[in-house]
Amino acid sequence: MKTLTVTDNLYLVLEEVAVRSGRPISDLVSEAVEAWLADGAIDDAERREIDVARAEAAEQGGVEFEAFFAEFLDERD
């Protein structure tokens, strides 16, 4: 187990939540950090999927959404 330093205000909030939930602060912090890391991993996976989709679209002559609509709107004027 390691020590983590947090601001006094954050600790007070954690302490209040811990008391209300009947759980130790360490469990709350561990759970929150694990969830944050999992969200980051999902974001990285989603970014890779987007990059693959963009590459496939470019190979087939596709254009980015913004570029398509910018050109479309310019043609209408």
Protein backbone atom coordinates (compact mmCIF):
# COMPACT_ATOMS: atom_id res chain seq x y z
CA MET A 1 0.00 0.00 0.00
CA LYS A 2 1.21 3.50 -0.88
CA THR A 3 0.37 6.96 0.41
CA LEU A 4 -1.54 9.45 -1.75
CA THR A 5 -1.69 13.16 -0.97
CA VAL A 6 -4.96 14.99 -1.70
CA THR A 7 -6.19 18.48 -0.92
CA ASP A 8 -7.94 19.09 2.37
CA ASN A 9 -11.21 19.86 0.57
CA LEU A 10 -11.09 16.62 -1.40
CA TYR A 11 -10.33 14.66 1.75
CA LEU A 12 -13.30 16.21 3.55
CA VAL A 13 -15.61 15.19 0.70
CA LEU A 14 -14.13 11.69 0.61
CA GLU A 15 -14.53 11.41 4.36
CA GLU A 16 -18.19 12.45 4.16
CA VAL A 17 -18.92 9.96 1.36
CA ALA A 18 -17.07 7.23 3.23
CA VAL A 19 -19.15 7.79 6.35
CA ARG A 20 -22.43 7.85 4.40
CA SER A 21 -21.56 4.73 2.40
CA GLY A 22 -19.92 2.85 5.28
CA ARG A 23 -16.83 2.22 3.14
CA PRO A 24 -13.18 3.13 3.73
CA ILE A 25 -11.74 6.13 1.90
CA SER A 26 -9.07 3.90 0.40
CA ASP A 27 -11.76 1.79 -1.31
CA LEU A 28 -13.46 4.88 -2.70
CA VAL A 29 -10.22 6.28 -4.08
CA SER A 30 -9.14 2.94 -5.56
CA GLU A 31 -12.52 2.47 -7.23
CA ALA A 32 -12.49 6.01 -8.64
CA VAL A 33 -8.95 5.69 -10.02
CA GLU A 34 -9.71 2.28 -11.55
CA ALA A 35 -12.84 3.69 -13.24
CA TRP A 36 -10.86 6.67 -14.54
CA LEU A 37 -8.17 4.40 -15.96
CA ALA A 38 -10.81 2.17 -17.58
CA ASP A 39 -12.42 5.22 -19.20
CA GLY A 40 -9.02 6.23 -20.58
CA ALA A 41 -8.50 2.77 -22.03
CA ILE A 42 -11.89 2.94 -23.72
CA ASP A 43 -11.02 6.34 -25.14
CA ASP A 44 -7.73 5.00 -26.54
CA ALA A 45 -9.53 2.03 -28.11
CA GLU A 46 -12.18 4.30 -29.60
CA ARG A 47 -9.51 6.61 -31.00
CA ARG A 48 -7.81 3.66 -32.70
CA GLU A 49 -11.14 2.56 -34.20
CA ILE A 50 -11.77 6.08 -35.48
CA ASP A 51 -8.29 6.22 -37.04
CA VAL A 52 -8.90 2.88 -38.77
CA ALA A 53 -12.29 4.05 -40.06
CA ARG A 54 -10.78 7.31 -41.35
CA ALA A 55 -8.01 5.44 -43.14
CA GLU A 56 -10.52 3.07 -44.74
CA ALA A 57 -12.73 5.98 -45.81
CA ALA A 58 -9.75 7.86 -47.27
CA GLU A 59 -8.76 4.77 -49.26
CA GLN A 60 -12.26 4.75 -50.75
CA GLY A 61 -12.19 8.46 -51.59
CA GLY A 62 -14.12 9.66 -48.55
CA VAL A 63 -13.71 13.08 -46.96
CA GLU A 64 -14.01 14.35 -43.41
CA PHE A 65 -17.47 15.45 -42.26
CA GLU A 66 -16.46 19.09 -41.76
CA ALA A 67 -14.77 19.34 -45.16
CA PHE A 68 -17.76 17.76 -46.92
CA PHE A 69 -20.28 20.15 -45.39
CA ALA A 70 -18.04 23.20 -45.80
CA GLU A 71 -17.78 22.42 -49.52
CA PHE A 72 -21.51 21.63 -49.72
CA LEU A 73 -22.47 24.93 -48.08
CA ASP A 74 -20.06 26.88 -50.29
CA GLU A 75 -21.70 25.40 -53.38
CA ARG A 76 -25.13 26.50 -52.17
CA ASP A 77 -24.09 30.16 -51.85
